[in-house]
Amino acid sequence: MKKYVSKKMITVCVAACFLMVASAGCVKLERPSLDRKYYTLSAARSGQAVYTNGNLENLIVRRIKVSPRYEDRDLVYRVSENGYESDYYNAFFVAPASMVTQELKVWMADSGIFANVLGTDSMGTGEFLLEGAVNSIYGDLSGSSPKAVINMQFFMIDNSDADMPIIYSRTFNKEVVAKSSSASAIVVAMNKGITDIFSELEKDIAAVVKVKN
């Protein structure tokens, strides 16, 4: 009798253990997924005149560097004078450096200033090199009106000269008021700021290489 009861108790315990493991597994499967949203940075050429008498020289656009404060994919907000927060639930689809570099290359190619616009992954050569850095790109929620803040710096180098002198440099600061403090509105304002910067940069570069409409 004692032996029978012992076996029965063991069976019940084993069954209970299996039920606990199964229940734990069910809990994990039913855990809700995180609702993350993704955005892209882009520069929309709309109404800007292109240069129809561009020169025969090539431009190489080097990879744009982004400050370590803003190089991650999560959106960054300024929430007080010295306080910043990253937004895990709203992020860029890919790293900002990759998007800004690609957008700049396409923008300059569409400008008509140069015969060809190449990236650093190309085997081709160019008479000019364009370098840039994004020193800041964030949403400012610390004031009465939300806005996107962007600071970019560009250098153009004469690659045809053995000394590779810098023939152009400029820092751009843009603050674009957003329609709301939502992530989507902040990104729309960022894209407006980037477009304005690229438009001014294009005019500057055209003047440097002496291309006119």
N, C-alpha and C. Protein backbone atom coordinates (compact mmCIF):
# COMPACT_ATOMS: atom_id res chain seq x y z
N MET A 1 0.83 -1.21 0.00
CA MET A 1 0.00 0.00 0.00
C MET A 1 0.87 1.26 0.00
N LYS A 2 1.90 1.25 0.83
CA LYS A 2 2.78 2.41 0.89
C LYS A 2 3.47 2.63 -0.45
N LYS A 3 3.88 1.53 -1.10
CA LYS A 3 4.56 1.65 -2.38
C LYS A 3 3.63 2.23 -3.43
N TYR A 4 2.36 1.85 -3.41
CA TYR A 4 1.38 2.34 -4.38
C TYR A 4 1.15 3.85 -4.20
N VAL A 5 0.99 4.28 -2.96
CA VAL A 5 0.77 5.70 -2.69
C VAL A 5 1.96 6.52 -3.14
N SER A 6 3.15 6.05 -2.91
CA SER A 6 4.38 6.75 -3.30
C SER A 6 4.44 6.95 -4.80
N LYS A 7 4.13 5.95 -5.56
CA LYS A 7 4.15 6.07 -7.02
C LYS A 7 3.11 7.06 -7.50
N LYS A 8 1.96 7.06 -6.85
CA LYS A 8 0.89 7.98 -7.24
C LYS A 8 1.29 9.42 -6.98
N MET A 9 1.93 9.65 -5.85
CA MET A 9 2.37 11.01 -5.52
C MET A 9 3.42 11.50 -6.51
N ILE A 10 4.33 10.60 -6.88
CA ILE A 10 5.36 10.98 -7.86
C ILE A 10 4.72 11.35 -9.19
N THR A 11 3.75 10.58 -9.61
CA THR A 11 3.07 10.86 -10.88
C THR A 11 2.39 12.22 -10.84
N VAL A 12 1.72 12.52 -9.72
CA VAL A 12 1.04 13.82 -9.59
C VAL A 12 2.04 14.97 -9.64
N CYS A 13 3.18 14.81 -8.96
CA CYS A 13 4.20 15.87 -8.94
C CYS A 13 4.77 16.12 -10.33
N VAL A 14 5.05 15.03 -11.06
CA VAL A 14 5.60 15.17 -12.41
C VAL A 14 4.60 15.89 -13.31
N ALA A 15 3.34 15.53 -13.20
CA ALA A 15 2.30 16.17 -14.00
C ALA A 15 2.20 17.65 -13.68
N ALA A 16 2.30 17.98 -12.41
CA ALA A 16 2.23 19.39 -11.99
C ALA A 16 3.39 20.19 -12.55
N CYS A 17 4.58 19.57 -12.58
CA CYS A 17 5.76 20.25 -13.14
C CYS A 17 5.57 20.56 -14.61
N PHE A 18 5.03 19.58 -15.36
CA PHE A 18 4.78 19.79 -16.79
C PHE A 18 3.79 20.92 -17.02
N LEU A 19 2.75 20.98 -16.16
CA LEU A 19 1.76 22.04 -16.28
C LEU A 19 2.37 23.41 -16.03
N MET A 20 3.28 23.50 -15.05
CA MET A 20 3.94 24.78 -14.75
C MET A 20 4.80 25.24 -15.90
N VAL A 21 5.55 24.29 -16.50
CA VAL A 21 6.41 24.65 -17.64
C VAL A 21 5.57 25.09 -18.82
N ALA A 22 4.48 24.35 -19.08
CA ALA A 22 3.61 24.70 -20.20
C ALA A 22 2.98 26.07 -20.00
N SER A 23 2.57 26.35 -18.75
CA SER A 23 1.97 27.65 -18.45
C SER A 23 2.96 28.78 -18.67
N ALA A 24 4.20 28.55 -18.25
CA ALA A 24 5.24 29.58 -18.45
C ALA A 24 5.44 29.84 -19.92
N GLY A 25 5.43 28.78 -20.71
CA GLY A 25 5.60 28.94 -22.15
C GLY A 25 4.46 29.72 -22.76
N CYS A 26 3.24 29.47 -22.30
CA CYS A 26 2.09 30.19 -22.82
C CYS A 26 2.17 31.68 -22.50
N VAL A 27 2.65 31.99 -21.30
CA VAL A 27 2.78 33.40 -20.91
C VAL A 27 3.71 34.14 -21.85
N LYS A 28 4.82 33.52 -22.21
CA LYS A 28 5.78 34.16 -23.10
C LYS A 28 5.18 34.39 -24.49
N LEU A 29 4.43 33.40 -24.97
CA LEU A 29 3.85 33.50 -26.30
C LEU A 29 2.78 34.58 -26.36
N GLU A 30 2.10 34.82 -25.25
CA GLU A 30 1.01 35.77 -25.25
C GLU A 30 1.46 37.19 -24.89
N ARG A 31 2.74 37.38 -24.61
CA ARG A 31 3.25 38.71 -24.25
C ARG A 31 3.12 39.65 -25.45
N PRO A 32 2.50 40.82 -25.31
CA PRO A 32 2.29 41.72 -26.45
C PRO A 32 3.60 42.25 -27.02
N SER A 33 3.67 42.39 -28.35
CA SER A 33 4.87 42.90 -29.00
C SER A 33 4.93 44.41 -28.84
N LEU A 34 6.13 44.96 -28.85
CA LEU A 34 6.33 46.40 -28.71
C LEU A 34 5.94 47.09 -30.01
N ASP A 35 5.18 48.17 -29.89
CA ASP A 35 4.68 48.89 -31.06
C ASP A 35 5.66 49.99 -31.43
N ARG A 36 6.69 49.65 -32.20
CA ARG A 36 7.68 50.63 -32.65
C ARG A 36 7.30 51.16 -34.02
N LYS A 37 7.55 52.44 -34.25
CA LYS A 37 7.30 53.06 -35.54
C LYS A 37 8.63 53.55 -36.12
N TYR A 38 8.74 53.49 -37.44
CA TYR A 38 10.00 53.81 -38.10
C TYR A 38 9.80 54.93 -39.12
N TYR A 39 10.84 55.78 -39.24
CA TYR A 39 10.76 56.95 -40.12
C TYR A 39 12.04 57.05 -40.96
N THR A 40 11.94 57.80 -42.04
CA THR A 40 13.10 58.02 -42.89
C THR A 40 13.39 59.51 -43.01
N LEU A 41 14.66 59.83 -43.20
CA LEU A 41 15.08 61.19 -43.51
C LEU A 41 15.18 61.32 -45.02
N SER A 42 14.64 62.41 -45.55
CA SER A 42 14.67 62.58 -47.00
C SER A 42 14.67 64.06 -47.35
N ALA A 43 15.19 64.35 -48.53
CA ALA A 43 15.21 65.71 -49.05
C ALA A 43 14.42 65.70 -50.36
N ALA A 44 13.33 66.43 -50.41
CA ALA A 44 12.45 66.43 -51.58
C ALA A 44 12.73 67.65 -52.45
N ARG A 45 13.21 67.40 -53.65
CA ARG A 45 13.45 68.48 -54.60
C ARG A 45 12.11 68.84 -55.24
N SER A 46 11.61 70.00 -54.93
CA SER A 46 10.31 70.42 -55.45
C SER A 46 10.38 71.88 -55.90
N GLY A 47 10.45 72.07 -57.20
CA GLY A 47 10.47 73.42 -57.74
C GLY A 47 11.85 74.03 -57.87
N GLN A 48 12.87 73.38 -57.31
CA GLN A 48 14.22 73.90 -57.44
C GLN A 48 14.73 73.72 -58.87
N ALA A 49 15.23 74.80 -59.45
CA ALA A 49 15.75 74.72 -60.81
C ALA A 49 17.06 73.94 -60.83
N VAL A 50 17.24 73.10 -61.83
CA VAL A 50 18.49 72.36 -61.95
C VAL A 50 19.39 73.08 -62.95
N TYR A 51 20.66 72.77 -62.89
CA TYR A 51 21.65 73.42 -63.76
C TYR A 51 21.77 72.61 -65.04
N THR A 52 21.48 73.28 -66.16
CA THR A 52 21.46 72.59 -67.46
C THR A 52 22.79 72.69 -68.20
N ASN A 53 23.72 73.47 -67.68
CA ASN A 53 25.02 73.63 -68.35
C ASN A 53 26.16 73.24 -67.41
N GLY A 54 25.96 72.14 -66.69
CA GLY A 54 26.97 71.68 -65.76
C GLY A 54 28.30 71.34 -66.43
N ASN A 55 29.35 71.27 -65.62
CA ASN A 55 30.67 70.98 -66.17
C ASN A 55 30.87 69.48 -66.36
N LEU A 56 32.05 69.11 -66.86
CA LEU A 56 32.35 67.71 -67.16
C LEU A 56 33.10 67.02 -66.03
N GLU A 57 33.16 67.67 -64.89
CA GLU A 57 33.91 67.10 -63.77
C GLU A 57 33.02 66.25 -62.88
N ASN A 58 33.66 65.38 -62.11
CA ASN A 58 32.94 64.46 -61.23
C ASN A 58 33.07 64.89 -59.77
N LEU A 59 32.04 64.56 -58.99
CA LEU A 59 32.03 64.83 -57.56
C LEU A 59 31.92 63.51 -56.81
N ILE A 60 32.72 63.34 -55.79
CA ILE A 60 32.62 62.18 -54.91
C ILE A 60 32.06 62.64 -53.57
N VAL A 61 30.95 62.04 -53.17
CA VAL A 61 30.33 62.36 -51.89
C VAL A 61 30.78 61.32 -50.87
N ARG A 62 31.53 61.77 -49.90
CA ARG A 62 31.98 60.85 -48.84
C ARG A 62 30.87 60.63 -47.82
N ARG A 63 31.00 59.53 -47.07
CA ARG A 63 29.98 59.20 -46.08
C ARG A 63 29.88 60.32 -45.04
N ILE A 64 28.67 60.78 -44.82
CA ILE A 64 28.41 61.82 -43.83
C ILE A 64 28.57 61.25 -42.42
N LYS A 65 29.26 61.97 -41.59
CA LYS A 65 29.44 61.55 -40.19
C LYS A 65 28.37 62.22 -39.32
N VAL A 66 27.90 61.48 -38.35
CA VAL A 66 26.89 61.99 -37.43
C VAL A 66 27.46 61.97 -36.01
N SER A 67 27.22 63.03 -35.28
CA SER A 67 27.69 63.11 -33.89
C SER A 67 27.23 61.89 -33.11
N PRO A 68 28.09 61.36 -32.23
CA PRO A 68 27.71 60.19 -31.42
C PRO A 68 26.42 60.38 -30.63
N ARG A 69 26.06 61.63 -30.36
CA ARG A 69 24.82 61.88 -29.60
C ARG A 69 23.58 61.49 -30.40
N TYR A 70 23.71 61.53 -31.74
CA TYR A 70 22.53 61.33 -32.58
C TYR A 70 22.71 60.23 -33.62
N GLU A 71 23.77 59.46 -33.53
CA GLU A 71 24.06 58.47 -34.57
C GLU A 71 23.20 57.21 -34.48
N ASP A 72 22.56 56.97 -33.31
CA ASP A 72 21.70 55.80 -33.18
C ASP A 72 20.37 56.04 -33.89
N ARG A 73 19.61 54.97 -34.05
CA ARG A 73 18.36 55.06 -34.80
C ARG A 73 17.22 55.70 -34.00
N ASP A 74 17.26 55.62 -32.69
CA ASP A 74 16.17 56.20 -31.88
C ASP A 74 16.13 57.72 -32.03
N LEU A 75 14.93 58.27 -32.16
CA LEU A 75 14.80 59.72 -32.21
C LEU A 75 15.23 60.32 -30.88
N VAL A 76 15.79 61.53 -30.95
CA VAL A 76 16.27 62.21 -29.75
C VAL A 76 15.48 63.51 -29.59
N TYR A 77 15.08 63.79 -28.33
CA TYR A 77 14.35 65.02 -28.03
C TYR A 77 15.08 65.80 -26.93
N ARG A 78 15.06 67.10 -27.09
CA ARG A 78 15.50 67.98 -26.00
C ARG A 78 14.26 68.31 -25.18
N VAL A 79 14.28 68.01 -23.89
CA VAL A 79 13.10 68.19 -23.05
C VAL A 79 13.26 69.29 -22.01
N SER A 80 14.49 69.76 -21.83
CA SER A 80 14.75 70.87 -20.91
C SER A 80 16.05 71.53 -21.34
N GLU A 81 16.49 72.51 -20.59
CA GLU A 81 17.70 73.24 -20.98
C GLU A 81 18.90 72.31 -21.18
N ASN A 82 19.07 71.36 -20.30
CA ASN A 82 20.19 70.42 -20.40
C ASN A 82 19.73 68.96 -20.44
N GLY A 83 18.44 68.75 -20.64
CA GLY A 83 17.92 67.39 -20.61
C GLY A 83 17.52 66.87 -21.98
N TYR A 84 17.97 65.67 -22.31
CA TYR A 84 17.66 65.03 -23.58
C TYR A 84 17.14 63.61 -23.32
N GLU A 85 16.27 63.15 -24.20
CA GLU A 85 15.74 61.79 -24.08
C GLU A 85 15.73 61.12 -25.45
N SER A 86 15.94 59.81 -25.46
CA SER A 86 15.82 59.05 -26.70
C SER A 86 14.48 58.34 -26.68
N ASP A 87 13.91 58.16 -27.86
CA ASP A 87 12.57 57.59 -27.99
C ASP A 87 12.67 56.20 -28.62
N TYR A 88 12.61 55.18 -27.78
CA TYR A 88 12.76 53.81 -28.28
C TYR A 88 11.62 53.42 -29.21
N TYR A 89 10.42 53.95 -28.97
CA TYR A 89 9.25 53.54 -29.74
C TYR A 89 9.14 54.25 -31.08
N ASN A 90 9.95 55.27 -31.32
CA ASN A 90 9.97 55.99 -32.60
C ASN A 90 11.43 56.10 -33.04
N ALA A 91 11.74 55.47 -34.16
CA ALA A 91 13.13 55.37 -34.58
C ALA A 91 13.26 55.55 -36.09
N PHE A 92 14.47 55.85 -36.52
CA PHE A 92 14.76 55.88 -37.96
C PHE A 92 14.85 54.46 -38.48
N PHE A 93 14.45 54.28 -39.74
CA PHE A 93 14.44 52.94 -40.33
C PHE A 93 15.85 52.38 -40.44
N VAL A 94 16.80 53.23 -40.80
CA VAL A 94 18.23 52.87 -40.79
C VAL A 94 18.98 54.02 -40.11
N ALA A 95 20.26 53.83 -39.89
CA ALA A 95 21.06 54.84 -39.20
C ALA A 95 21.03 56.18 -39.96
N PRO A 96 20.95 57.32 -39.26
CA PRO A 96 20.89 58.62 -39.91
C PRO A 96 22.04 58.88 -40.89
N ALA A 97 23.24 58.42 -40.56
CA ALA A 97 24.39 58.67 -41.43
C ALA A 97 24.17 58.09 -42.82
N SER A 98 23.63 56.90 -42.89
CA SER A 98 23.39 56.25 -44.19
C SER A 98 22.33 57.01 -44.98
N MET A 99 21.25 57.43 -44.31
CA MET A 99 20.18 58.12 -45.02
C MET A 99 20.62 59.49 -45.53
N VAL A 100 21.30 60.26 -44.69
CA VAL A 100 21.72 61.60 -45.11
C VAL A 100 22.73 61.51 -46.25
N THR A 101 23.65 60.56 -46.18
CA THR A 101 24.63 60.38 -47.25
C THR A 101 23.96 60.07 -48.57
N GLN A 102 23.02 59.12 -48.56
CA GLN A 102 22.32 58.75 -49.78
C GLN A 102 21.49 59.90 -50.33
N GLU A 103 20.81 60.62 -49.46
CA GLU A 103 19.99 61.74 -49.91
C GLU A 103 20.85 62.85 -50.51
N LEU A 104 22.02 63.10 -49.94
CA LEU A 104 22.91 64.13 -50.46
C LEU A 104 23.45 63.73 -51.83
N LYS A 105 23.82 62.46 -51.97
CA LYS A 105 24.34 62.00 -53.25
C LYS A 105 23.29 62.13 -54.36
N VAL A 106 22.07 61.73 -54.06
CA VAL A 106 20.99 61.85 -55.05
C VAL A 106 20.70 63.31 -55.35
N TRP A 107 20.70 64.14 -54.33
CA TRP A 107 20.41 65.57 -54.52
C TRP A 107 21.44 66.20 -55.45
N MET A 108 22.71 65.96 -55.19
CA MET A 108 23.76 66.56 -56.02
C MET A 108 23.75 65.99 -57.44
N ALA A 109 23.41 64.72 -57.57
CA ALA A 109 23.32 64.12 -58.91
C ALA A 109 22.19 64.77 -59.71
N ASP A 110 21.08 65.06 -59.04
CA ASP A 110 19.94 65.68 -59.72
C ASP A 110 20.14 67.15 -60.00
N SER A 111 21.14 67.77 -59.36
CA SER A 111 21.35 69.21 -59.54
C SER A 111 21.83 69.57 -60.94
N GLY A 112 22.54 68.64 -61.60
CA GLY A 112 23.07 68.92 -62.93
C GLY A 112 24.39 69.66 -62.93
N ILE A 113 24.96 69.90 -61.76
CA ILE A 113 26.21 70.67 -61.69
C ILE A 113 27.38 69.86 -62.21
N PHE A 114 27.39 68.56 -61.91
CA PHE A 114 28.52 67.71 -62.26
C PHE A 114 28.12 66.66 -63.29
N ALA A 115 29.14 66.16 -64.01
CA ALA A 115 28.89 65.11 -65.00
C ALA A 115 28.41 63.85 -64.30
N ASN A 116 29.08 63.52 -63.18
CA ASN A 116 28.71 62.34 -62.40
C ASN A 116 28.91 62.63 -60.92
N VAL A 117 28.07 62.03 -60.11
CA VAL A 117 28.21 62.12 -58.66
C VAL A 117 28.34 60.70 -58.14
N LEU A 118 29.48 60.43 -57.49
CA LEU A 118 29.81 59.08 -57.07
C LEU A 118 29.87 58.98 -55.55
N GLY A 119 29.72 57.76 -55.06
CA GLY A 119 29.91 57.49 -53.64
C GLY A 119 31.28 56.92 -53.39
N THR A 120 31.65 56.79 -52.14
CA THR A 120 32.98 56.28 -51.81
C THR A 120 33.14 54.80 -52.14
N ASP A 121 32.03 54.11 -52.38
CA ASP A 121 32.11 52.71 -52.75
C ASP A 121 32.37 52.52 -54.24
N SER A 122 32.38 53.62 -55.00
CA SER A 122 32.62 53.54 -56.43
C SER A 122 34.12 53.46 -56.73
N MET A 123 34.47 52.80 -57.81
CA MET A 123 35.86 52.72 -58.25
C MET A 123 36.25 53.94 -59.08
N GLY A 124 35.28 54.79 -59.40
CA GLY A 124 35.56 55.97 -60.21
C GLY A 124 36.29 57.04 -59.43
N THR A 125 36.81 58.00 -60.16
CA THR A 125 37.55 59.11 -59.55
C THR A 125 36.78 60.41 -59.78
N GLY A 126 37.08 61.41 -58.98
CA GLY A 126 36.41 62.69 -59.12
C GLY A 126 37.36 63.84 -58.85
N GLU A 127 37.09 64.95 -59.52
CA GLU A 127 37.92 66.14 -59.33
C GLU A 127 37.62 66.83 -58.00
N PHE A 128 36.43 66.57 -57.44
CA PHE A 128 36.05 67.22 -56.19
C PHE A 128 35.54 66.18 -55.19
N LEU A 129 35.82 66.45 -53.92
CA LEU A 129 35.32 65.61 -52.82
C LEU A 129 34.43 66.47 -51.92
N LEU A 130 33.29 65.92 -51.54
CA LEU A 130 32.39 66.62 -50.64
C LEU A 130 32.26 65.83 -49.35
N GLU A 131 32.64 66.47 -48.25
CA GLU A 131 32.55 65.84 -46.93
C GLU A 131 31.55 66.60 -46.07
N GLY A 132 30.96 65.89 -45.13
CA GLY A 132 29.99 66.56 -44.27
C GLY A 132 29.84 65.90 -42.92
N ALA A 133 29.28 66.64 -41.98
CA ALA A 133 29.03 66.12 -40.64
C ALA A 133 27.71 66.68 -40.14
N VAL A 134 26.94 65.82 -39.49
CA VAL A 134 25.71 66.25 -38.82
C VAL A 134 26.06 66.41 -37.34
N ASN A 135 26.17 67.64 -36.91
CA ASN A 135 26.54 67.91 -35.52
C ASN A 135 25.36 67.77 -34.57
N SER A 136 24.17 68.00 -35.09
CA SER A 136 22.97 67.82 -34.27
C SER A 136 21.76 67.61 -35.16
N ILE A 137 20.86 66.74 -34.69
CA ILE A 137 19.58 66.53 -35.36
C ILE A 137 18.64 65.94 -34.31
N TYR A 138 17.73 66.78 -33.83
CA TYR A 138 16.85 66.34 -32.75
C TYR A 138 15.56 67.16 -32.74
N GLY A 139 14.59 66.68 -32.00
CA GLY A 139 13.37 67.43 -31.80
C GLY A 139 13.46 68.21 -30.50
N ASP A 140 13.19 69.49 -30.56
CA ASP A 140 13.26 70.34 -29.36
C ASP A 140 11.85 70.53 -28.81
N LEU A 141 11.59 69.91 -27.67
CA LEU A 141 10.28 69.99 -27.01
C LEU A 141 10.35 70.82 -25.74
N SER A 142 11.43 71.53 -25.56
CA SER A 142 11.65 72.27 -24.31
C SER A 142 10.95 73.62 -24.27
N GLY A 143 10.52 74.12 -25.44
CA GLY A 143 9.90 75.44 -25.48
C GLY A 143 8.40 75.36 -25.71
N SER A 144 7.82 76.50 -26.02
CA SER A 144 6.37 76.56 -26.24
C SER A 144 5.96 75.93 -27.56
N SER A 145 6.87 75.96 -28.55
CA SER A 145 6.57 75.38 -29.86
C SER A 145 7.57 74.28 -30.17
N PRO A 146 7.11 73.08 -30.48
CA PRO A 146 8.05 72.00 -30.85
C PRO A 146 8.71 72.32 -32.18
N LYS A 147 9.96 71.92 -32.31
CA LYS A 147 10.68 72.19 -33.55
C LYS A 147 11.79 71.18 -33.75
N ALA A 148 12.23 71.09 -35.00
CA ALA A 148 13.38 70.25 -35.35
C ALA A 148 14.61 71.15 -35.43
N VAL A 149 15.69 70.69 -34.85
CA VAL A 149 16.94 71.44 -34.85
C VAL A 149 18.00 70.63 -35.58
N ILE A 150 18.62 71.25 -36.57
CA ILE A 150 19.61 70.55 -37.39
C ILE A 150 20.83 71.45 -37.57
N ASN A 151 22.00 70.90 -37.36
CA ASN A 151 23.26 71.59 -37.61
C ASN A 151 24.13 70.69 -38.47
N MET A 152 24.49 71.17 -39.65
CA MET A 152 25.34 70.42 -40.57
C MET A 152 26.53 71.25 -41.02
N GLN A 153 27.64 70.59 -41.25
CA GLN A 153 28.86 71.26 -41.68
C GLN A 153 29.40 70.53 -42.92
N PHE A 154 29.80 71.31 -43.94
CA PHE A 154 30.28 70.71 -45.18
C PHE A 154 31.63 71.31 -45.60
N PHE A 155 32.43 70.46 -46.23
CA PHE A 155 33.71 70.86 -46.82
C PHE A 155 33.79 70.29 -48.23
N MET A 156 34.31 71.10 -49.15
CA MET A 156 34.59 70.58 -50.49
C MET A 156 36.08 70.72 -50.76
N ILE A 157 36.67 69.64 -51.27
CA ILE A 157 38.12 69.56 -51.48
C ILE A 157 38.41 69.43 -52.97
N ASP A 158 39.44 70.13 -53.42
CA ASP A 158 39.90 70.01 -54.80
C ASP A 158 40.78 68.77 -54.91
N ASN A 159 40.21 67.71 -55.39
CA ASN A 159 40.93 66.43 -55.47
C ASN A 159 41.91 66.37 -56.62
N SER A 160 41.81 67.35 -57.55
CA SER A 160 42.73 67.38 -58.68
C SER A 160 44.07 68.02 -58.33
N ASP A 161 44.12 68.68 -57.17
CA ASP A 161 45.35 69.30 -56.68
C ASP A 161 46.02 68.33 -55.70
N ALA A 162 47.31 68.12 -55.88
CA ALA A 162 48.03 67.17 -55.03
C ALA A 162 47.95 67.56 -53.54
N ASP A 163 47.83 68.84 -53.24
CA ASP A 163 47.72 69.30 -51.86
C ASP A 163 46.31 69.14 -51.29
N MET A 164 45.34 68.84 -52.14
CA MET A 164 43.94 68.65 -51.74
C MET A 164 43.44 69.79 -50.86
N PRO A 165 43.48 71.03 -51.35
CA PRO A 165 43.04 72.17 -50.53
C PRO A 165 41.52 72.19 -50.36
N ILE A 166 41.08 72.73 -49.24
CA ILE A 166 39.66 72.94 -49.01
C ILE A 166 39.24 74.22 -49.74
N ILE A 167 38.32 74.10 -50.66
CA ILE A 167 37.91 75.26 -51.46
C ILE A 167 36.53 75.78 -51.05
N TYR A 168 35.89 75.08 -50.12
CA TYR A 168 34.58 75.54 -49.65
C TYR A 168 34.31 74.92 -48.28
N SER A 169 33.76 75.72 -47.40
CA SER A 169 33.32 75.22 -46.09
C SER A 169 32.21 76.12 -45.57
N ARG A 170 31.24 75.49 -44.94
CA ARG A 170 30.14 76.27 -44.37
C ARG A 170 29.38 75.41 -43.35
N THR A 171 28.90 76.07 -42.31
CA THR A 171 28.06 75.41 -41.32
C THR A 171 26.64 75.95 -41.44
N PHE A 172 25.68 75.04 -41.46
CA PHE A 172 24.27 75.39 -41.59
C PHE A 172 23.53 75.09 -40.29
N ASN A 173 22.72 76.04 -39.86
CA ASN A 173 21.86 75.85 -38.68
C ASN A 173 20.42 76.08 -39.10
N LYS A 174 19.57 75.11 -38.84
CA LYS A 174 18.17 75.23 -39.18
C LYS A 174 17.29 74.84 -37.99
N GLU A 175 16.29 75.66 -37.73
CA GLU A 175 15.27 75.34 -36.74
C GLU A 175 13.92 75.47 -37.44
N VAL A 176 13.21 74.34 -37.55
CA VAL A 176 11.95 74.31 -38.28
C VAL A 176 10.84 73.96 -37.30
N VAL A 177 9.86 74.83 -37.16
CA VAL A 177 8.73 74.59 -36.25
C VAL A 177 7.90 73.42 -36.77
N ALA A 178 7.56 72.50 -35.87
CA ALA A 178 6.74 71.34 -36.22
C ALA A 178 5.28 71.61 -35.91
N LYS A 179 4.39 70.91 -36.60
CA LYS A 179 2.95 71.11 -36.40
C LYS A 179 2.49 70.60 -35.04
N SER A 180 3.22 69.62 -34.49
CA SER A 180 2.89 69.10 -33.18
C SER A 180 4.15 68.49 -32.58
N SER A 181 4.02 67.97 -31.38
CA SER A 181 5.17 67.34 -30.73
C SER A 181 5.27 65.85 -31.03
N SER A 182 4.44 65.34 -31.93
CA SER A 182 4.49 63.92 -32.28
C SER A 182 5.77 63.61 -33.05
N ALA A 183 6.17 62.35 -33.00
CA ALA A 183 7.39 61.94 -33.70
C ALA A 183 7.27 62.19 -35.20
N SER A 184 6.12 61.89 -35.78
CA SER A 184 5.95 62.07 -37.22
C SER A 184 6.07 63.54 -37.62
N ALA A 185 5.51 64.43 -36.81
CA ALA A 185 5.60 65.86 -37.11
C ALA A 185 7.03 66.37 -36.98
N ILE A 186 7.76 65.86 -35.99
CA ILE A 186 9.15 66.24 -35.82
C ILE A 186 9.99 65.80 -37.02
N VAL A 187 9.75 64.59 -37.52
CA VAL A 187 10.51 64.09 -38.68
C VAL A 187 10.18 64.89 -39.93
N VAL A 188 8.92 65.27 -40.10
CA VAL A 188 8.55 66.13 -41.23
C VAL A 188 9.33 67.45 -41.18
N ALA A 189 9.44 68.02 -39.99
CA ALA A 189 10.20 69.26 -39.82
C ALA A 189 11.69 69.04 -40.09
N MET A 190 12.22 67.89 -39.65
CA MET A 190 13.61 67.56 -39.94
C MET A 190 13.86 67.51 -41.45
N ASN A 191 12.95 66.86 -42.17
CA ASN A 191 13.12 66.74 -43.62
C ASN A 191 13.04 68.09 -44.31
N LYS A 192 12.20 68.98 -43.78
CA LYS A 192 12.14 70.35 -44.33
C LYS A 192 13.47 71.05 -44.10
N GLY A 193 14.06 70.89 -42.92
CA GLY A 193 15.35 71.51 -42.64
C GLY A 193 16.45 70.96 -43.52
N ILE A 194 16.49 69.65 -43.72
CA ILE A 194 17.50 69.03 -44.57
C ILE A 194 17.36 69.52 -46.01
N THR A 195 16.13 69.61 -46.50
CA THR A 195 15.89 70.10 -47.86
C THR A 195 16.39 71.53 -48.03
N ASP A 196 16.11 72.38 -47.05
CA ASP A 196 16.57 73.77 -47.12
C ASP A 196 18.10 73.85 -47.13
N ILE A 197 18.74 73.02 -46.31
CA ILE A 197 20.20 73.01 -46.25
C ILE A 197 20.79 72.56 -47.59
N PHE A 198 20.26 71.49 -48.15
CA PHE A 198 20.77 70.98 -49.43
C PHE A 198 20.58 72.01 -50.54
N SER A 199 19.47 72.74 -50.50
CA SER A 199 19.21 73.77 -51.52
C SER A 199 20.27 74.87 -51.46
N GLU A 200 20.58 75.32 -50.25
CA GLU A 200 21.60 76.36 -50.11
C GLU A 200 22.99 75.82 -50.45
N LEU A 201 23.26 74.60 -50.04
CA LEU A 201 24.55 73.99 -50.35
C LEU A 201 24.75 73.88 -51.85
N GLU A 202 23.72 73.48 -52.55
CA GLU A 202 23.80 73.35 -54.02
C GLU A 202 24.18 74.67 -54.67
N LYS A 203 23.55 75.76 -54.24
CA LYS A 203 23.85 77.07 -54.82
C LYS A 203 25.29 77.47 -54.53
N ASP A 204 25.74 77.21 -53.32
CA ASP A 204 27.13 77.54 -52.96
C ASP A 204 28.12 76.78 -53.84
N ILE A 205 27.89 75.49 -54.00
CA ILE A 205 28.82 74.66 -54.77
C ILE A 205 28.82 75.06 -56.24
N ALA A 206 27.64 75.38 -56.76
CA ALA A 206 27.58 75.84 -58.16
C ALA A 206 28.43 77.09 -58.35
N ALA A 207 28.40 77.98 -57.38
CA ALA A 207 29.21 79.20 -57.47
C ALA A 207 30.69 78.89 -57.39
N VAL A 208 31.06 77.94 -56.55
CA VAL A 208 32.47 77.59 -56.37
C VAL A 208 33.05 76.99 -57.64
N VAL A 209 32.29 76.13 -58.32
CA VAL A 209 32.81 75.48 -59.55
C VAL A 209 32.40 76.28 -60.79
N LYS A 210 31.81 77.46 -60.56
CA LYS A 210 31.49 78.41 -61.64
C LYS A 210 30.53 77.82 -62.65
N VAL A 211 29.44 77.27 -62.14
CA VAL A 211 28.37 76.79 -63.01
C VAL A 211 27.16 77.69 -62.80
N LYS A 212 26.60 78.17 -63.91
CA LYS A 212 25.45 79.05 -63.84
C LYS A 212 24.31 78.46 -64.65
N ASN A 213 23.08 78.88 -64.30
CA ASN A 213 21.91 78.43 -65.04
C ASN A 213 21.83 79.13 -66.39
